[in-house]
Amino acid sequence: MSKEIAFYKGKENEDAFRYAESLFSEFGDEYRLFMDDSLENCKGAGALLFCGENAFCLAKSLRLHTVARLYSQDIFIDAYGQRKESGIKRGNSGREAYDLIRYPELEIEKTARTAFEWAEKYNKSMIAVDCADMLETGKLWRYVVQDVAQDYLNVPIRYAFLSDYLCKGQAENNIEDIVLTNSLVGGIISQAFFAEEKLSGETICLFGDTTFAAYGREKQPLCREGIKESILWAIRESFNRPDQAEWLLNKQ
């Protein structure tokens, strides 16, 4: 597997690129970091780093179906593979507005398996939050997650409706390590509980069907702590070297 890492639009973030370069240099010539403004060119790398880019647009362009948003104590994993349709049109009774979100079963399964695999790898428990009490997409989401859970019986998981999760608050819900949601539910929760951290920029990991993944933050400027955290996740997830990530984490 390629041990090249692409820094998307590195010229616009040269200080961040140089710092990332210095971190990878700790491993000698094992990794090669390069900058490129073309996502097509970046796809040939083993992983991608980004700064100040919209995660949804990146996921769509790179065909990555799952996002993990990492906060100080919580990990939210949701699907970007859904199809959205919305608009305003003229109807018989005036203007009509509509919002449609379609979740293909396969995309739900891919996201659920990513979450369960993370839980297994890092010895974490899970909670699946959905709107199965209100929306058909929520019902399908829960059915699929429950089916996938049968393949990961060693992972503790519980299920909650979004309304109940929000009523209990962050403190009462903070007994699991990974929150599995769809993008609609995840967006509501993050706005309710993590608005301050979103402003400072949470670390984002975007996954697809291969080991290639994207790591970074949507907010600029990207602080050194954020760069390092993104690189640690890339080394763990895309290059399967948790030992190196642990060594770099503890290096002063």
C-alpha atoms as a PDB file:
ATOM      1  CA  MET A   1       0.000   0.000   0.000  1.00  0.00           C
ATOM      2  CA  SER A   2       1.184   3.519  -0.805  1.00  0.00           C
ATOM      3  CA  LYS A   3       2.654   5.368   2.156  1.00  0.00           C
ATOM      4  CA  GLU A   4       2.132   8.686   0.429  1.00  0.00           C
ATOM      5  CA  ILE A   5      -0.043  11.286   2.153  1.00  0.00           C
ATOM      6  CA  ALA A   6      -1.651  14.058   0.153  1.00  0.00           C
ATOM      7  CA  PHE A   7      -2.209  17.456   1.787  1.00  0.00           C
ATOM      8  CA  TYR A   8      -5.127  18.891  -0.188  1.00  0.00           C
ATOM      9  CA  LYS A   9      -4.519  22.552  -1.103  1.00  0.00           C
ATOM     10  CA  GLY A  10      -1.317  22.563   0.918  1.00  0.00           C
ATOM     11  CA  LYS A  11      -0.149  25.779  -0.746  1.00  0.00           C
ATOM     12  CA  GLU A  12      -3.014  27.619   0.922  1.00  0.00           C
ATOM     13  CA  ASN A  13      -1.943  26.170   4.300  1.00  0.00           C
ATOM     14  CA  GLU A  14       1.825  26.119   3.946  1.00  0.00           C
ATOM     15  CA  ASP A  15       2.573  26.511   7.669  1.00  0.00           C
ATOM     16  CA  ALA A  16       0.298  23.568   8.436  1.00  0.00           C
ATOM     17  CA  PHE A  17       1.916  21.566   5.620  1.00  0.00           C
ATOM     18  CA  ARG A  18       5.436  22.230   6.930  1.00  0.00           C
ATOM     19  CA  TYR A  19       4.466  21.196  10.441  1.00  0.00           C
ATOM     20  CA  ALA A  20       2.848  17.988   9.138  1.00  0.00           C
ATOM     21  CA  GLU A  21       5.998  17.337   7.122  1.00  0.00           C
ATOM     22  CA  SER A  22       8.123  17.655  10.265  1.00  0.00           C
ATOM     23  CA  LEU A  23       5.946  15.117  12.099  1.00  0.00           C
ATOM     24  CA  PHE A  24       6.162  12.528   9.318  1.00  0.00           C
ATOM     25  CA  SER A  25       9.937  13.064   9.121  1.00  0.00           C
ATOM     26  CA  GLU A  26      10.166  11.461  12.573  1.00  0.00           C
ATOM     27  CA  PHE A  27       9.759   8.143  10.734  1.00  0.00           C
ATOM     28  CA  GLY A  28      12.559   8.791   8.257  1.00  0.00           C
ATOM     29  CA  ASP A  29      11.667   7.997   4.651  1.00  0.00           C
ATOM     30  CA  GLU A  30       8.770   5.685   5.526  1.00  0.00           C
ATOM     31  CA  TYR A  31       6.122   8.283   4.608  1.00  0.00           C
ATOM     32  CA  ARG A  32       6.063  10.887   1.851  1.00  0.00           C
ATOM     33  CA  LEU A  33       3.872  13.960   2.239  1.00  0.00           C
ATOM     34  CA  PHE A  34       2.995  16.025  -0.818  1.00  0.00           C
ATOM     35  CA  MET A  35       0.615  18.891  -1.571  1.00  0.00           C
ATOM     36  CA  ASP A  36      -1.847  18.991  -4.453  1.00  0.00           C
ATOM     37  CA  ASP A  37      -4.858  21.077  -5.474  1.00  0.00           C
ATOM     38  CA  SER A  38      -6.429  18.232  -7.470  1.00  0.00           C
ATOM     39  CA  LEU A  39      -8.550  15.678  -5.638  1.00  0.00           C
ATOM     40  CA  GLU A  40      -8.058  13.278  -8.547  1.00  0.00           C
ATOM     41  CA  ASN A  41      -4.294  13.336  -7.957  1.00  0.00           C
ATOM     42  CA  CYS A  42      -4.814  12.919  -4.210  1.00  0.00           C
ATOM     43  CA  LYS A  43      -6.808   9.699  -4.692  1.00  0.00           C
ATOM     44  CA  GLY A  44      -3.611   7.799  -5.484  1.00  0.00           C
ATOM     45  CA  ALA A  45      -2.208   8.462  -2.012  1.00  0.00           C
ATOM     46  CA  GLY A  46      -2.670   6.245   1.016  1.00  0.00           C
ATOM     47  CA  ALA A  47      -4.455   9.031   2.927  1.00  0.00           C
ATOM     48  CA  LEU A  48      -5.462  12.662   2.587  1.00  0.00           C
ATOM     49  CA  LEU A  49      -5.098  15.596   4.997  1.00  0.00           C
ATOM     50  CA  PHE A  50      -7.276  18.692   4.685  1.00  0.00           C
ATOM     51  CA  CYS A  51      -7.787  22.028   6.397  1.00  0.00           C
ATOM     52  CA  GLY A  52     -10.716  24.409   6.063  1.00  0.00           C
ATOM     53  CA  GLU A  53     -12.647  22.238   3.578  1.00  0.00           C
ATOM     54  CA  ASN A  54     -16.320  21.308   3.772  1.00  0.00           C
ATOM     55  CA  ALA A  55     -16.380  17.667   4.858  1.00  0.00           C
ATOM     56  CA  PHE A  56     -19.618  16.886   2.994  1.00  0.00           C
ATOM     57  CA  CYS A  57     -18.200  18.186  -0.304  1.00  0.00           C
ATOM     58  CA  LEU A  58     -14.982  16.225   0.220  1.00  0.00           C
ATOM     59  CA  ALA A  59     -16.864  13.031   1.040  1.00  0.00           C
ATOM     60  CA  LYS A  60     -19.028  13.396  -2.054  1.00  0.00           C
ATOM     61  CA  SER A  61     -16.076  14.151  -4.359  1.00  0.00           C
ATOM     62  CA  LEU A  62     -13.971  11.294  -2.980  1.00  0.00           C
ATOM     63  CA  ARG A  63     -16.957   8.902  -2.732  1.00  0.00           C
ATOM     64  CA  LEU A  64     -16.433   8.322   0.979  1.00  0.00           C
ATOM     65  CA  HIS A  65     -19.603   7.177   2.716  1.00  0.00           C
ATOM     66  CA  THR A  66     -18.898   7.537   6.445  1.00  0.00           C
ATOM     67  CA  VAL A  67     -17.746  10.384   8.683  1.00  0.00           C
ATOM     68  CA  ALA A  68     -16.387  10.166  12.230  1.00  0.00           C
ATOM     69  CA  ARG A  69     -16.449  13.465  14.107  1.00  0.00           C
ATOM     70  CA  LEU A  70     -14.089  13.409  17.071  1.00  0.00           C
ATOM     71  CA  TYR A  71     -14.726  15.661  20.048  1.00  0.00           C
ATOM     72  CA  SER A  72     -12.819  15.807  23.327  1.00  0.00           C
ATOM     73  CA  GLN A  73     -14.692  12.845  24.828  1.00  0.00           C
ATOM     74  CA  ASP A  74     -17.152  11.656  22.205  1.00  0.00           C
ATOM     75  CA  ILE A  75     -17.004  10.066  18.764  1.00  0.00           C
ATOM     76  CA  PHE A  76     -19.959  10.515  16.398  1.00  0.00           C
ATOM     77  CA  ILE A  77     -20.134   8.269  13.332  1.00  0.00           C
ATOM     78  CA  ASP A  78     -22.733   8.899  10.625  1.00  0.00           C
ATOM     79  CA  ALA A  79     -23.414   8.353   6.927  1.00  0.00           C
ATOM     80  CA  TYR A  80     -22.719  10.727   4.067  1.00  0.00           C
ATOM     81  CA  GLY A  81     -24.044   8.274   1.503  1.00  0.00           C
ATOM     82  CA  GLN A  82     -27.625   9.522   1.704  1.00  0.00           C
ATOM     83  CA  ARG A  83     -29.378  11.234  -1.209  1.00  0.00           C
ATOM     84  CA  LYS A  84     -30.959  14.595  -0.492  1.00  0.00           C
ATOM     85  CA  GLU A  85     -33.655  16.342  -2.488  1.00  0.00           C
ATOM     86  CA  SER A  86     -35.171  19.674  -1.466  1.00  0.00           C
ATOM     87  CA  GLY A  87     -36.741  22.749  -2.968  1.00  0.00           C
ATOM     88  CA  ILE A  88     -39.671  25.119  -3.250  1.00  0.00           C
ATOM     89  CA  LYS A  89     -42.160  24.841  -6.084  1.00  0.00           C
ATOM     90  CA  ARG A  90     -45.474  26.358  -7.081  1.00  0.00           C
ATOM     91  CA  GLY A  91     -48.477  24.228  -6.133  1.00  0.00           C
ATOM     92  CA  ASN A  92     -52.261  24.490  -6.345  1.00  0.00           C
ATOM     93  CA  SER A  93     -52.365  26.208  -2.954  1.00  0.00           C
ATOM     94  CA  GLY A  94     -49.356  28.459  -3.435  1.00  0.00           C
ATOM     95  CA  ARG A  95     -45.730  27.634  -2.835  1.00  0.00           C
ATOM     96  CA  GLU A  96     -44.803  24.171  -1.541  1.00  0.00           C
ATOM     97  CA  ALA A  97     -41.534  23.252   0.164  1.00  0.00           C
ATOM     98  CA  TYR A  98     -40.135  19.736   0.391  1.00  0.00           C
ATOM     99  CA  ASP A  99     -37.118  17.999   1.921  1.00  0.00           C
ATOM    100  CA  LEU A 100     -36.391  14.362   1.074  1.00  0.00           C
ATOM    101  CA  ILE A 101     -33.565  12.259   2.500  1.00  0.00           C
ATOM    102  CA  ARG A 102     -33.032   8.786   1.060  1.00  0.00           C
ATOM    103  CA  TYR A 103     -30.853   6.265   2.902  1.00  0.00           C
ATOM    104  CA  PRO A 104     -29.907   3.202   0.827  1.00  0.00           C
ATOM    105  CA  GLU A 105     -29.670   0.102   3.015  1.00  0.00           C
ATOM    106  CA  LEU A 106     -26.155  -0.680   1.791  1.00  0.00           C
ATOM    107  CA  GLU A 107     -24.858   2.745   2.850  1.00  0.00           C
ATOM    108  CA  ILE A 108     -26.405   2.368   6.309  1.00  0.00           C
ATOM    109  CA  GLU A 109     -24.757  -1.034   6.646  1.00  0.00           C
ATOM    110  CA  LYS A 110     -21.343   0.305   5.596  1.00  0.00           C
ATOM    111  CA  THR A 111     -21.524   3.085   8.181  1.00  0.00           C
ATOM    112  CA  ALA A 112     -22.736   0.731  10.906  1.00  0.00           C
ATOM    113  CA  ARG A 113     -19.901  -1.712  10.228  1.00  0.00           C
ATOM    114  CA  THR A 114     -17.366   1.119  10.384  1.00  0.00           C
ATOM    115  CA  ALA A 115     -18.715   2.090  13.803  1.00  0.00           C
ATOM    116  CA  PHE A 116     -18.710  -1.493  15.130  1.00  0.00           C
ATOM    117  CA  GLU A 117     -15.179  -2.080  13.829  1.00  0.00           C
ATOM    118  CA  TRP A 118     -13.987   1.045  15.609  1.00  0.00           C
ATOM    119  CA  ALA A 119     -15.697  -0.112  18.794  1.00  0.00           C
ATOM    120  CA  GLU A 120     -13.959  -3.491  18.543  1.00  0.00           C
ATOM    121  CA  LYS A 121     -10.569  -2.030  17.721  1.00  0.00           C
ATOM    122  CA  TYR A 122     -10.586   0.554  20.502  1.00  0.00           C
ATOM    123  CA  ASN A 123     -12.599  -1.462  23.051  1.00  0.00           C
ATOM    124  CA  LYS A 124     -15.500   0.998  23.178  1.00  0.00           C
ATOM    125  CA  SER A 125     -19.241   0.714  23.691  1.00  0.00           C
ATOM    126  CA  MET A 126     -21.895   2.253  21.440  1.00  0.00           C
ATOM    127  CA  ILE A 127     -25.245   3.974  21.400  1.00  0.00           C
ATOM    128  CA  ALA A 128     -27.332   4.189  18.207  1.00  0.00           C
ATOM    129  CA  VAL A 129     -29.474   7.339  18.139  1.00  0.00           C
ATOM    130  CA  ASP A 130     -32.232   7.669  15.537  1.00  0.00           C
ATOM    131  CA  CYS A 131     -35.710   9.037  14.789  1.00  0.00           C
ATOM    132  CA  ALA A 132     -37.359   5.634  14.392  1.00  0.00           C
ATOM    133  CA  ASP A 133     -40.337   6.921  16.406  1.00  0.00           C
ATOM    134  CA  MET A 134     -41.005   9.692  13.867  1.00  0.00           C
ATOM    135  CA  LEU A 135     -39.430   9.017  10.453  1.00  0.00           C
ATOM    136  CA  GLU A 136     -39.369   6.060   8.074  1.00  0.00           C
ATOM    137  CA  THR A 137     -35.656   6.659   7.435  1.00  0.00           C
ATOM    138  CA  GLY A 138     -35.120   6.258  11.180  1.00  0.00           C
ATOM    139  CA  LYS A 139     -36.984   2.941  11.185  1.00  0.00           C
ATOM    140  CA  LEU A 140     -34.876   1.528   8.368  1.00  0.00           C
ATOM    141  CA  TRP A 141     -31.725   2.863  10.040  1.00  0.00           C
ATOM    142  CA  ARG A 142     -32.550   1.002  13.262  1.00  0.00           C
ATOM    143  CA  TYR A 143     -33.518  -2.243  11.474  1.00  0.00           C
ATOM    144  CA  VAL A 144     -30.223  -2.316   9.581  1.00  0.00           C
ATOM    145  CA  VAL A 145     -28.088  -1.416  12.619  1.00  0.00           C
ATOM    146  CA  GLN A 146     -29.789  -4.153  14.663  1.00  0.00           C
ATOM    147  CA  ASP A 147     -29.069  -6.678  11.903  1.00  0.00           C
ATOM    148  CA  VAL A 148     -25.397  -5.642  11.703  1.00  0.00           C
ATOM    149  CA  ALA A 149     -25.112  -5.818  15.505  1.00  0.00           C
ATOM    150  CA  GLN A 150     -25.615  -9.589  15.307  1.00  0.00           C
ATOM    151  CA  ASP A 151     -22.159  -9.839  13.730  1.00  0.00           C
ATOM    152  CA  TYR A 152     -20.569  -7.905  16.631  1.00  0.00           C
ATOM    153  CA  LEU A 153     -22.073  -9.468  19.736  1.00  0.00           C
ATOM    154  CA  ASN A 154     -18.987  -8.546  21.757  1.00  0.00           C
ATOM    155  CA  VAL A 155     -19.702  -4.817  21.324  1.00  0.00           C
ATOM    156  CA  PRO A 156     -22.084  -3.377  23.956  1.00  0.00           C
ATOM    157  CA  ILE A 157     -24.776  -1.282  22.257  1.00  0.00           C
ATOM    158  CA  ARG A 158     -28.007   0.390  23.262  1.00  0.00           C
ATOM    159  CA  TYR A 159     -30.585   2.276  21.205  1.00  0.00           C
ATOM    160  CA  ALA A 160     -32.236   5.653  21.822  1.00  0.00           C
ATOM    161  CA  PHE A 161     -34.656   7.967  20.087  1.00  0.00           C
ATOM    162  CA  LEU A 162     -33.273  11.426  19.390  1.00  0.00           C
ATOM    163  CA  SER A 163     -35.908  13.104  21.593  1.00  0.00           C
ATOM    164  CA  ASP A 164     -34.981  10.924  24.594  1.00  0.00           C
ATOM    165  CA  TYR A 165     -31.259  11.423  23.977  1.00  0.00           C
ATOM    166  CA  LEU A 166     -31.618  15.206  23.924  1.00  0.00           C
ATOM    167  CA  CYS A 167     -33.858  15.259  27.007  1.00  0.00           C
ATOM    168  CA  LYS A 168     -31.305  13.347  29.057  1.00  0.00           C
ATOM    169  CA  GLY A 169     -28.526  15.720  28.101  1.00  0.00           C
ATOM    170  CA  GLN A 170     -24.861  15.149  27.376  1.00  0.00           C
ATOM    171  CA  ALA A 171     -23.837  14.262  30.937  1.00  0.00           C
ATOM    172  CA  GLU A 172     -26.336  11.404  31.343  1.00  0.00           C
ATOM    173  CA  ASN A 173     -25.611  10.037  27.869  1.00  0.00           C
ATOM    174  CA  ASN A 174     -21.850  10.100  28.275  1.00  0.00           C
ATOM    175  CA  ILE A 175     -21.568   6.410  29.187  1.00  0.00           C
ATOM    176  CA  GLU A 176     -20.844   5.157  25.697  1.00  0.00           C
ATOM    177  CA  ASP A 177     -17.794   6.055  23.656  1.00  0.00           C
ATOM    178  CA  ILE A 178     -19.228   5.975  20.122  1.00  0.00           C
ATOM    179  CA  VAL A 179     -22.526   7.504  19.011  1.00  0.00           C
ATOM    180  CA  LEU A 180     -23.846   6.017  15.752  1.00  0.00           C
ATOM    181  CA  THR A 181     -26.303   8.304  13.951  1.00  0.00           C
ATOM    182  CA  ASN A 182     -27.415   9.409  10.518  1.00  0.00           C
ATOM    183  CA  SER A 183     -26.335  12.859   9.321  1.00  0.00           C
ATOM    184  CA  LEU A 184     -29.656  14.525  10.213  1.00  0.00           C
ATOM    185  CA  VAL A 185     -29.634  13.269  13.806  1.00  0.00           C
ATOM    186  CA  GLY A 186     -25.888  13.792  14.209  1.00  0.00           C
ATOM    187  CA  GLY A 187     -26.192  17.398  13.055  1.00  0.00           C
ATOM    188  CA  ILE A 188     -28.913  18.133  15.616  1.00  0.00           C
ATOM    189  CA  ILE A 189     -26.920  16.564  18.453  1.00  0.00           C
ATOM    190  CA  SER A 190     -23.682  18.322  17.569  1.00  0.00           C
ATOM    191  CA  GLN A 191     -25.452  21.699  17.433  1.00  0.00           C
ATOM    192  CA  ALA A 192     -27.138  21.018  20.775  1.00  0.00           C
ATOM    193  CA  PHE A 193     -24.111  19.778  22.705  1.00  0.00           C
ATOM    194  CA  PHE A 194     -20.944  20.686  20.832  1.00  0.00           C
ATOM    195  CA  ALA A 195     -21.462  24.141  19.307  1.00  0.00           C
ATOM    196  CA  GLU A 196     -18.363  25.535  21.045  1.00  0.00           C
ATOM    197  CA  GLU A 197     -16.132  22.659  19.910  1.00  0.00           C
ATOM    198  CA  LYS A 198     -17.504  22.926  16.369  1.00  0.00           C
ATOM    199  CA  LEU A 199     -16.436  26.574  16.307  1.00  0.00           C
ATOM    200  CA  SER A 200     -12.896  25.608  17.316  1.00  0.00           C
ATOM    201  CA  GLY A 201     -12.930  22.734  14.828  1.00  0.00           C
ATOM    202  CA  GLU A 202     -13.509  19.071  15.603  1.00  0.00           C
ATOM    203  CA  THR A 203     -11.284  16.453  14.016  1.00  0.00           C
ATOM    204  CA  ILE A 204     -12.984  14.682  11.108  1.00  0.00           C
ATOM    205  CA  CYS A 205     -12.232  11.276   9.565  1.00  0.00           C
ATOM    206  CA  LEU A 206     -13.901  10.345   6.251  1.00  0.00           C
ATOM    207  CA  PHE A 207     -14.023   6.661   5.263  1.00  0.00           C
ATOM    208  CA  GLY A 208     -14.969   4.641   2.200  1.00  0.00           C
ATOM    209  CA  ASP A 209     -14.587   1.056   1.015  1.00  0.00           C
ATOM    210  CA  THR A 210     -10.755   1.016   0.988  1.00  0.00           C
ATOM    211  CA  THR A 211      -8.020   1.997   3.420  1.00  0.00           C
ATOM    212  CA  PHE A 212      -7.839   5.425   1.758  1.00  0.00           C
ATOM    213  CA  ALA A 213      -9.431   8.023   4.035  1.00  0.00           C
ATOM    214  CA  ALA A 214      -9.364  11.770   4.672  1.00  0.00           C
ATOM    215  CA  TYR A 215      -8.434  13.439   7.956  1.00  0.00           C
ATOM    216  CA  GLY A 216      -8.589  17.065   9.061  1.00  0.00           C
ATOM    217  CA  ARG A 217     -10.748  19.918  10.296  1.00  0.00           C
ATOM    218  CA  GLU A 218     -13.268  22.149   8.586  1.00  0.00           C
ATOM    219  CA  LYS A 219     -12.199  25.306  10.412  1.00  0.00           C
ATOM    220  CA  GLN A 220      -9.172  27.481   9.681  1.00  0.00           C
ATOM    221  CA  PRO A 221      -6.548  28.153  10.807  1.00  0.00           C
ATOM    222  CA  LEU A 222      -5.665  24.573  11.675  1.00  0.00           C
ATOM    223  CA  CYS A 223      -3.750  24.604  14.949  1.00  0.00           C
ATOM    224  CA  ARG A 224      -0.769  22.348  15.505  1.00  0.00           C
ATOM    225  CA  GLU A 225      -2.772  20.194  17.898  1.00  0.00           C
ATOM    226  CA  GLY A 226      -5.359  19.608  15.183  1.00  0.00           C
ATOM    227  CA  ILE A 227      -2.702  18.741  12.594  1.00  0.00           C
ATOM    228  CA  LYS A 228      -1.074  16.252  14.932  1.00  0.00           C
ATOM    229  CA  GLU A 229      -4.382  14.621  15.859  1.00  0.00           C
ATOM    230  CA  SER A 230      -5.325  14.236  12.190  1.00  0.00           C
ATOM    231  CA  ILE A 231      -1.968  12.628  11.436  1.00  0.00           C
ATOM    232  CA  LEU A 232      -2.289  10.257  14.410  1.00  0.00           C
ATOM    233  CA  TRP A 233      -5.627   9.009  13.088  1.00  0.00           C
ATOM    234  CA  ALA A 234      -4.213   8.621   9.589  1.00  0.00           C
ATOM    235  CA  ILE A 235      -1.322   6.515  10.886  1.00  0.00           C
ATOM    236  CA  ARG A 236      -3.697   4.368  12.962  1.00  0.00           C
ATOM    237  CA  GLU A 237      -6.477   3.884  10.452  1.00  0.00           C
ATOM    238  CA  SER A 238      -5.046   4.117   6.938  1.00  0.00           C
ATOM    239  CA  PHE A 239      -1.591   2.701   7.632  1.00  0.00           C
ATOM    240  CA  ASN A 240      -2.476   0.369  10.516  1.00  0.00           C
ATOM    241  CA  ARG A 241       0.421   1.477  12.712  1.00  0.00           C
ATOM    242  CA  PRO A 242      -1.076   2.202  16.147  1.00  0.00           C
ATOM    243  CA  ASP A 243       2.386   1.678  17.632  1.00  0.00           C
ATOM    244  CA  GLN A 244       3.776   4.577  15.617  1.00  0.00           C
ATOM    245  CA  ALA A 245       0.783   6.753  16.485  1.00  0.00           C
ATOM    246  CA  GLU A 246       1.275   6.051  20.181  1.00  0.00           C
ATOM    247  CA  TRP A 247       4.989   6.863  19.936  1.00  0.00           C
ATOM    248  CA  LEU A 248       4.298  10.149  18.116  1.00  0.00           C
ATOM    249  CA  LEU A 249       1.523  11.066  20.573  1.00  0.00           C
ATOM    250  CA  ASN A 250       3.888  10.738  23.533  1.00  0.00           C
ATOM    251  CA  LYS A 251       6.845  12.458  21.879  1.00  0.00           C
ATOM    252  CA  GLN A 252       7.439  15.946  23.260  1.00  0.00           C
END
